């Protein structure tokens, strides 16, 4: 049996559809697997796009500053969410013990 796409089970969270984007590392790994001329050319184009994006980020200080701000905001939100989750866990009511199943006599 060949695994085509690894997906999360329904109801368990996570991505249910395949991703629409490649990471730079993913493209590099894909180029080592695919051997056709067209696949090689597409991988070269995608890698060049990543290089241009990296160059654009390096030259555009305002964009880099904004990305840094967004990263800091995201970090603050992550810390706040950890605190909220901790508080929610403390609010949970303790679980009740389930009654024992079976026939019992008054003698112990």
Protein backbone atom coordinates (compact mmCIF):
# COMPACT_ATOMS: atom_id res chain seq x y z
CA UNK A 1 0.00 0.00 0.00
CA UNK A 2 1.40 3.38 -1.00
CA UNK A 3 0.77 6.47 1.09
CA UNK A 4 -0.36 9.27 -1.22
CA UNK A 5 -1.21 12.06 1.22
CA UNK A 6 -0.87 12.05 4.98
CA UNK A 7 -3.89 13.78 6.48
CA UNK A 8 -5.31 14.19 9.94
CA UNK A 9 -8.38 12.18 10.84
CA UNK A 10 -11.69 14.03 10.78
CA UNK A 11 -12.51 15.54 14.15
CA UNK A 12 -8.93 15.53 15.39
CA UNK A 13 -7.90 18.90 14.04
CA UNK A 14 -5.17 19.52 11.56
CA UNK A 15 -5.17 19.95 7.82
CA UNK A 16 -7.77 17.96 5.86
CA UNK A 17 -6.60 19.09 2.43
CA UNK A 18 -3.19 18.99 0.80
CA UNK A 19 -1.13 22.19 1.12
CA UNK A 20 -1.10 24.74 -1.69
CA UNK A 21 2.48 25.90 -1.14
CA UNK A 22 5.98 24.46 -1.04
CA UNK A 23 8.73 25.36 1.35
CA UNK A 24 12.20 25.95 -0.02
CA UNK A 25 13.42 22.80 1.68
CA UNK A 26 10.48 20.84 0.25
CA UNK A 27 11.33 21.95 -3.28
CA UNK A 28 14.98 20.99 -2.75
CA UNK A 29 13.95 17.53 -1.54
CA UNK A 30 11.49 17.15 -4.41
CA UNK A 31 14.22 17.92 -6.96
CA UNK A 32 16.23 14.98 -5.64
CA UNK A 33 13.28 12.64 -6.28
CA UNK A 34 11.96 13.80 -9.65
CA UNK A 35 14.03 13.10 -12.74
CA UNK A 36 12.06 14.45 -15.72
CA UNK A 37 13.35 17.53 -17.58
CA UNK A 38 10.14 19.44 -16.92
CA UNK A 39 10.26 18.70 -13.18
CA UNK A 40 13.88 19.85 -13.02
CA UNK A 41 13.04 23.10 -14.86
CA UNK A 42 10.06 23.79 -12.56
CA UNK A 43 12.20 23.19 -9.48
CA UNK A 44 14.83 25.58 -10.79
CA UNK A 45 12.17 28.26 -11.36
CA UNK A 46 10.72 27.76 -7.88
CA UNK A 47 14.16 27.91 -6.24
CA UNK A 48 14.91 31.13 -8.15
CA UNK A 49 11.63 32.57 -6.86
CA UNK A 50 12.70 31.79 -3.30
CA UNK A 51 16.06 33.46 -3.92
CA UNK A 52 14.33 36.58 -5.31
CA UNK A 53 11.96 36.65 -2.34
CA UNK A 54 14.89 36.43 0.07
CA UNK A 55 16.68 39.23 -1.80
CA UNK A 56 13.54 41.39 -1.77
CA UNK A 57 13.20 40.89 1.99
CA UNK A 58 16.84 41.76 2.53
CA UNK A 59 16.61 44.97 0.50
CA UNK A 60 13.25 46.17 1.68
CA UNK A 61 13.84 47.30 5.24
CA UNK A 62 10.27 48.46 5.80
CA UNK A 63 8.91 45.06 4.87
CA UNK A 64 11.49 43.33 7.04
CA UNK A 65 10.61 45.62 9.96
CA UNK A 66 6.89 44.89 9.51
CA UNK A 67 7.55 41.14 9.42
CA UNK A 68 9.57 41.47 12.62
CA UNK A 69 6.71 43.39 14.25
CA UNK A 70 4.20 40.75 13.19
CA UNK A 71 6.48 38.03 14.52
CA UNK A 72 6.72 39.82 17.88
CA UNK A 73 2.93 40.26 18.01
CA UNK A 74 2.44 36.58 17.16
CA UNK A 75 4.87 35.64 19.95
CA UNK A 76 2.93 37.78 22.46
CA UNK A 77 -0.34 36.16 21.36
CA UNK A 78 1.18 32.70 21.73
CA UNK A 79 2.23 33.51 25.29
CA UNK A 80 -1.25 34.84 26.05
CA UNK A 81 -2.85 31.70 24.61
CA UNK A 82 -0.68 29.51 26.81
CA UNK A 83 -1.93 31.46 29.82
CA UNK A 84 -5.56 31.15 28.70
CA UNK A 85 -5.20 27.40 28.18
CA UNK A 86 -3.61 27.05 31.61
CA UNK A 87 -6.52 28.96 33.19
CA UNK A 88 -9.10 26.86 31.34
CA UNK A 89 -7.45 23.66 32.58
CA UNK A 90 -7.67 24.96 36.14
CA UNK A 91 -11.39 25.68 35.71
CA UNK A 92 -12.22 22.12 34.67
CA UNK A 93 -14.42 20.31 37.14
CA UNK A 94 -12.85 17.19 38.63
CA UNK A 95 -14.01 13.97 37.05
CA UNK A 96 -16.59 11.98 38.99
CA UNK A 97 -15.76 8.42 39.77
CA UNK A 98 -17.76 5.97 37.72
CA UNK A 99 -19.92 3.59 39.70
CA UNK A 100 -18.59 0.07 39.92
CA UNK A 101 -20.34 -2.49 37.80
CA UNK A 102 -21.45 -5.84 39.20
CA UNK A 103 -23.42 -7.45 41.99
CA UNK A 104 -22.43 -6.56 45.53
CA UNK A 105 -23.50 -7.95 48.88
CA UNK A 106 -23.55 -6.07 52.14
CA UNK A 107 -20.83 -8.38 53.54
CA UNK A 108 -17.30 -7.20 53.05
